[in-house]
């Protein structure tokens, strides 16, 4: 697996700056974690407020916001938020995903 093209639940994904910003917004709004990109790339052991309860809350928030299942086993092996973001792929609100799927233009 190439680090340049991480694999999401449906295949390779490109993690763009806008995707990272949305993911960081989701962490802030959904979990109360206000992280920089550097902190999101750091090992969980360096995050003072991170624990297993936060991890479960993150899985619930990601599934609610994206409308997609989160690969929990793989998330449990992740060592950073960045790795979780790579596993999940782009974070788009359910309404946006639903509208894109039903748009027949």
N, C-alpha and C. Protein backbone atom coordinates (compact mmCIF):
# COMPACT_ATOMS: atom_id res chain seq x y z
N UNK A 1 0.86 -1.18 0.00
CA UNK A 1 0.00 0.00 0.00
C UNK A 1 0.89 1.23 0.00
N UNK A 2 0.62 2.14 -0.88
CA UNK A 2 1.40 3.37 -0.99
C UNK A 2 0.91 4.40 0.02
N UNK A 3 1.84 5.10 0.64
CA UNK A 3 1.47 6.16 1.58
C UNK A 3 0.93 7.37 0.83
N UNK A 4 1.24 7.46 -0.49
CA UNK A 4 0.75 8.59 -1.28
C UNK A 4 -0.72 8.45 -1.63
N UNK A 5 -1.21 7.23 -1.69
CA UNK A 5 -2.60 6.99 -2.02
C UNK A 5 -3.19 6.05 -0.99
N UNK A 6 -3.65 6.61 0.14
CA UNK A 6 -4.21 5.76 1.18
C UNK A 6 -5.45 5.03 0.70
N UNK A 7 -5.75 3.93 1.36
CA UNK A 7 -6.90 3.12 0.99
C UNK A 7 -8.05 3.39 1.95
N UNK A 8 -9.18 3.80 1.42
CA UNK A 8 -10.39 4.01 2.19
C UNK A 8 -11.26 2.78 2.10
N UNK A 9 -12.49 2.83 2.63
CA UNK A 9 -13.36 1.65 2.64
C UNK A 9 -13.77 1.19 1.25
N UNK A 10 -13.68 2.07 0.25
CA UNK A 10 -14.08 1.67 -1.10
C UNK A 10 -12.91 1.67 -2.07
N UNK A 11 -11.67 1.78 -1.57
CA UNK A 11 -10.51 1.75 -2.44
C UNK A 11 -9.62 2.95 -2.19
N UNK A 12 -8.67 3.18 -3.11
CA UNK A 12 -7.73 4.29 -2.92
C UNK A 12 -8.43 5.64 -2.83
N UNK A 13 -7.94 6.47 -1.94
CA UNK A 13 -8.48 7.82 -1.80
C UNK A 13 -7.35 8.82 -1.77
N UNK A 14 -7.60 10.01 -2.21
CA UNK A 14 -6.65 11.10 -2.10
C UNK A 14 -7.10 11.96 -0.94
N UNK A 15 -6.21 12.17 0.03
CA UNK A 15 -6.54 13.01 1.17
C UNK A 15 -6.10 14.43 0.83
N UNK A 16 -7.04 15.22 0.37
CA UNK A 16 -6.77 16.60 0.00
C UNK A 16 -6.82 17.48 1.25
N UNK A 17 -6.28 18.68 1.11
CA UNK A 17 -6.28 19.63 2.22
C UNK A 17 -7.70 19.92 2.69
N UNK A 18 -8.65 20.01 1.76
CA UNK A 18 -10.04 20.28 2.15
C UNK A 18 -10.62 19.11 2.94
N UNK A 19 -10.23 17.88 2.58
CA UNK A 19 -10.68 16.71 3.33
C UNK A 19 -10.12 16.73 4.75
N UNK A 20 -8.86 17.11 4.87
CA UNK A 20 -8.24 17.21 6.19
C UNK A 20 -8.92 18.27 7.03
N UNK A 21 -9.23 19.40 6.43
CA UNK A 21 -9.92 20.47 7.15
C UNK A 21 -11.29 20.00 7.64
N UNK A 22 -12.04 19.29 6.78
CA UNK A 22 -13.35 18.76 7.19
C UNK A 22 -13.20 17.74 8.32
N UNK A 23 -12.18 16.90 8.23
CA UNK A 23 -11.94 15.90 9.27
C UNK A 23 -11.60 16.58 10.59
N UNK A 24 -10.75 17.58 10.55
CA UNK A 24 -10.39 18.32 11.78
C UNK A 24 -11.61 19.06 12.34
N UNK A 25 -12.45 19.61 11.48
CA UNK A 25 -13.69 20.25 11.93
C UNK A 25 -14.59 19.24 12.62
N UNK A 26 -14.67 18.03 12.05
CA UNK A 26 -15.50 16.99 12.65
C UNK A 26 -14.97 16.60 14.03
N UNK A 27 -13.66 16.51 14.18
CA UNK A 27 -13.07 16.20 15.49
C UNK A 27 -13.40 17.29 16.51
N UNK A 28 -13.32 18.53 16.05
CA UNK A 28 -13.61 19.65 16.95
C UNK A 28 -15.09 19.69 17.32
N UNK A 29 -15.96 19.64 16.31
CA UNK A 29 -17.39 19.78 16.56
C UNK A 29 -18.01 18.53 17.19
N UNK A 30 -17.55 17.36 16.79
CA UNK A 30 -18.15 16.13 17.27
C UNK A 30 -17.57 15.60 18.57
N UNK A 31 -16.28 15.90 18.82
CA UNK A 31 -15.61 15.35 20.00
C UNK A 31 -15.03 16.41 20.93
N UNK A 32 -15.01 17.65 20.48
CA UNK A 32 -14.40 18.70 21.29
C UNK A 32 -12.88 18.67 21.25
N UNK A 33 -12.30 18.01 20.23
CA UNK A 33 -10.85 17.95 20.08
C UNK A 33 -10.42 18.97 19.03
N UNK A 34 -9.75 19.99 19.45
CA UNK A 34 -9.28 21.03 18.53
C UNK A 34 -7.82 20.75 18.21
N UNK A 35 -7.58 19.99 17.13
CA UNK A 35 -6.24 19.56 16.78
C UNK A 35 -5.71 20.28 15.55
N UNK A 36 -4.40 20.45 15.51
CA UNK A 36 -3.74 20.92 14.30
C UNK A 36 -3.48 19.72 13.41
N UNK A 37 -3.06 19.96 12.17
CA UNK A 37 -2.72 18.85 11.28
C UNK A 37 -1.57 18.04 11.86
N UNK A 38 -0.62 18.72 12.48
CA UNK A 38 0.53 18.03 13.07
C UNK A 38 0.09 17.13 14.22
N UNK A 39 -0.82 17.62 15.05
CA UNK A 39 -1.32 16.81 16.16
C UNK A 39 -2.12 15.61 15.64
N UNK A 40 -2.86 15.82 14.56
CA UNK A 40 -3.65 14.73 13.98
C UNK A 40 -2.74 13.64 13.41
N UNK A 41 -1.54 14.00 13.00
CA UNK A 41 -0.59 13.04 12.45
C UNK A 41 0.25 12.37 13.54
N UNK A 42 0.21 12.92 14.75
CA UNK A 42 1.02 12.39 15.85
C UNK A 42 0.40 11.13 16.45
N UNK A 43 1.22 10.34 17.11
CA UNK A 43 0.76 9.13 17.78
C UNK A 43 -0.25 9.48 18.87
N UNK A 44 -1.24 8.62 19.05
CA UNK A 44 -2.27 8.85 20.07
C UNK A 44 -1.67 9.06 21.46
N UNK A 45 -0.55 8.42 21.74
CA UNK A 45 0.07 8.56 23.06
C UNK A 45 0.45 10.00 23.38
N UNK A 46 0.58 10.84 22.37
CA UNK A 46 0.95 12.24 22.61
C UNK A 46 -0.26 13.14 22.84
N UNK A 47 -1.48 12.61 22.63
CA UNK A 47 -2.70 13.39 22.84
C UNK A 47 -3.18 13.20 24.27
N UNK A 48 -3.12 14.25 25.05
CA UNK A 48 -3.40 14.12 26.49
C UNK A 48 -4.85 13.72 26.80
N UNK A 49 -5.80 14.12 25.98
CA UNK A 49 -7.20 13.83 26.28
C UNK A 49 -7.75 12.61 25.53
N UNK A 50 -6.88 11.85 24.88
CA UNK A 50 -7.34 10.73 24.06
C UNK A 50 -7.43 9.46 24.89
N UNK A 51 -8.57 8.76 24.74
CA UNK A 51 -8.74 7.47 25.42
C UNK A 51 -9.70 6.61 24.60
N UNK A 52 -9.97 5.40 25.07
CA UNK A 52 -10.80 4.47 24.31
C UNK A 52 -12.25 4.95 24.17
N UNK A 53 -12.73 5.70 25.14
CA UNK A 53 -14.09 6.25 25.04
C UNK A 53 -14.15 7.26 23.89
N UNK A 54 -13.12 8.08 23.78
CA UNK A 54 -13.05 9.04 22.66
C UNK A 54 -13.04 8.30 21.33
N UNK A 55 -12.33 7.17 21.28
CA UNK A 55 -12.26 6.39 20.05
C UNK A 55 -13.65 5.89 19.65
N UNK A 56 -14.39 5.37 20.60
CA UNK A 56 -15.75 4.89 20.31
C UNK A 56 -16.65 6.05 19.87
N UNK A 57 -16.51 7.19 20.53
CA UNK A 57 -17.30 8.36 20.13
C UNK A 57 -16.93 8.78 18.71
N UNK A 58 -15.63 8.72 18.36
CA UNK A 58 -15.20 9.07 17.01
C UNK A 58 -15.84 8.15 15.98
N UNK A 59 -15.85 6.86 16.24
CA UNK A 59 -16.47 5.91 15.31
C UNK A 59 -17.95 6.27 15.10
N UNK A 60 -18.66 6.55 16.19
CA UNK A 60 -20.08 6.90 16.08
C UNK A 60 -20.27 8.19 15.28
N UNK A 61 -19.45 9.19 15.55
CA UNK A 61 -19.56 10.47 14.84
C UNK A 61 -19.27 10.26 13.36
N UNK A 62 -18.22 9.53 13.03
CA UNK A 62 -17.88 9.30 11.63
C UNK A 62 -18.99 8.55 10.90
N UNK A 63 -19.55 7.54 11.52
CA UNK A 63 -20.63 6.80 10.86
C UNK A 63 -21.87 7.67 10.68
N UNK A 64 -22.18 8.48 11.68
CA UNK A 64 -23.34 9.37 11.58
C UNK A 64 -23.13 10.41 10.50
N UNK A 65 -21.96 11.01 10.46
CA UNK A 65 -21.70 12.10 9.52
C UNK A 65 -21.53 11.64 8.08
N UNK A 66 -20.97 10.46 7.88
CA UNK A 66 -20.71 10.00 6.52
C UNK A 66 -21.78 9.05 5.99
N UNK A 67 -22.54 8.42 6.90
CA UNK A 67 -23.52 7.44 6.46
C UNK A 67 -22.88 6.14 6.01
N UNK A 68 -21.60 5.96 6.33
CA UNK A 68 -20.88 4.75 5.94
C UNK A 68 -20.39 4.03 7.20
N UNK A 69 -20.29 2.70 7.13
CA UNK A 69 -19.72 1.98 8.26
C UNK A 69 -18.22 2.26 8.36
N UNK A 70 -17.72 2.27 9.57
CA UNK A 70 -16.31 2.50 9.83
C UNK A 70 -15.68 1.15 10.17
N UNK A 71 -14.53 0.82 9.55
CA UNK A 71 -13.88 -0.46 9.82
C UNK A 71 -13.24 -0.46 11.22
N UNK A 72 -14.03 -0.81 12.23
CA UNK A 72 -13.63 -0.66 13.63
C UNK A 72 -12.34 -1.41 13.95
N UNK A 73 -12.20 -2.63 13.46
CA UNK A 73 -10.98 -3.39 13.72
C UNK A 73 -9.73 -2.67 13.24
N UNK A 74 -9.82 -2.09 12.06
CA UNK A 74 -8.68 -1.35 11.51
C UNK A 74 -8.47 -0.04 12.25
N UNK A 75 -9.57 0.60 12.67
CA UNK A 75 -9.45 1.84 13.44
C UNK A 75 -8.75 1.56 14.77
N UNK A 76 -9.04 0.43 15.38
CA UNK A 76 -8.40 0.08 16.65
C UNK A 76 -6.90 -0.09 16.51
N UNK A 77 -6.44 -0.46 15.33
CA UNK A 77 -5.00 -0.63 15.10
C UNK A 77 -4.31 0.67 14.68
N UNK A 78 -5.09 1.69 14.33
CA UNK A 78 -4.51 2.97 13.90
C UNK A 78 -3.77 3.62 15.06
N UNK A 79 -2.72 4.35 14.74
CA UNK A 79 -1.92 5.02 15.76
C UNK A 79 -2.05 6.53 15.74
N UNK A 80 -2.88 7.06 14.83
CA UNK A 80 -3.07 8.51 14.76
C UNK A 80 -4.40 8.83 14.10
N UNK A 81 -4.83 10.06 14.29
CA UNK A 81 -6.06 10.53 13.62
C UNK A 81 -5.88 10.48 12.10
N UNK A 82 -4.68 10.79 11.65
CA UNK A 82 -4.40 10.78 10.21
C UNK A 82 -4.63 9.38 9.64
N UNK A 83 -4.19 8.36 10.38
CA UNK A 83 -4.41 6.99 9.91
C UNK A 83 -5.91 6.68 9.86
N UNK A 84 -6.64 7.14 10.83
CA UNK A 84 -8.10 6.92 10.83
C UNK A 84 -8.73 7.66 9.66
N UNK A 85 -8.29 8.87 9.40
CA UNK A 85 -8.80 9.62 8.27
C UNK A 85 -8.53 8.87 6.96
N UNK A 86 -7.35 8.29 6.83
CA UNK A 86 -7.02 7.52 5.64
C UNK A 86 -7.92 6.29 5.49
N UNK A 87 -8.24 5.66 6.62
CA UNK A 87 -9.12 4.48 6.58
C UNK A 87 -10.53 4.85 6.17
N UNK A 88 -11.02 5.95 6.69
CA UNK A 88 -12.40 6.36 6.46
C UNK A 88 -12.58 7.01 5.09
N UNK A 89 -11.57 7.73 4.62
CA UNK A 89 -11.68 8.44 3.36
C UNK A 89 -12.30 9.81 3.57
N UNK A 90 -12.66 10.48 2.50
CA UNK A 90 -13.22 11.83 2.62
C UNK A 90 -14.46 11.87 3.50
N UNK A 91 -14.54 12.89 4.32
CA UNK A 91 -15.67 13.06 5.23
C UNK A 91 -16.63 14.06 4.60
N UNK A 92 -17.74 13.54 4.11
CA UNK A 92 -18.78 14.39 3.55
C UNK A 92 -20.05 14.14 4.34
N UNK A 93 -20.79 15.19 4.65
CA UNK A 93 -22.04 14.99 5.38
C UNK A 93 -22.98 14.07 4.62
N UNK A 94 -23.77 13.28 5.35
CA UNK A 94 -24.71 12.34 4.76
C UNK A 94 -25.61 13.03 3.74
N UNK A 95 -26.10 14.23 4.05
CA UNK A 95 -27.00 14.94 3.13
C UNK A 95 -26.32 15.18 1.79
N UNK A 96 -25.03 15.55 1.81
CA UNK A 96 -24.32 15.82 0.57
C UNK A 96 -24.13 14.53 -0.22
N UNK A 97 -23.75 13.45 0.45
CA UNK A 97 -23.58 12.17 -0.22
C UNK A 97 -24.90 11.71 -0.82
N UNK A 98 -25.99 11.81 -0.07
CA UNK A 98 -27.31 11.40 -0.56
C UNK A 98 -27.71 12.22 -1.77
N UNK A 99 -27.51 13.54 -1.72
CA UNK A 99 -27.86 14.40 -2.85
C UNK A 99 -27.04 14.06 -4.08
N UNK A 100 -25.75 13.75 -3.91
CA UNK A 100 -24.92 13.41 -5.05
C UNK A 100 -25.37 12.11 -5.69
N UNK A 101 -25.83 11.15 -4.89
CA UNK A 101 -26.28 9.87 -5.42
C UNK A 101 -27.61 9.98 -6.16
N UNK A 102 -28.44 10.94 -5.77
CA UNK A 102 -29.76 11.07 -6.40
C UNK A 102 -29.77 12.14 -7.48
N UNK A 103 -28.70 12.88 -7.65
CA UNK A 103 -28.63 13.92 -8.67
C UNK A 103 -28.51 13.25 -10.03
N UNK A 104 -29.49 13.50 -10.92
CA UNK A 104 -29.50 12.84 -12.23
C UNK A 104 -29.19 13.79 -13.36
N UNK A 105 -28.55 14.90 -13.05
CA UNK A 105 -28.21 15.84 -14.12
C UNK A 105 -27.31 15.27 -15.14
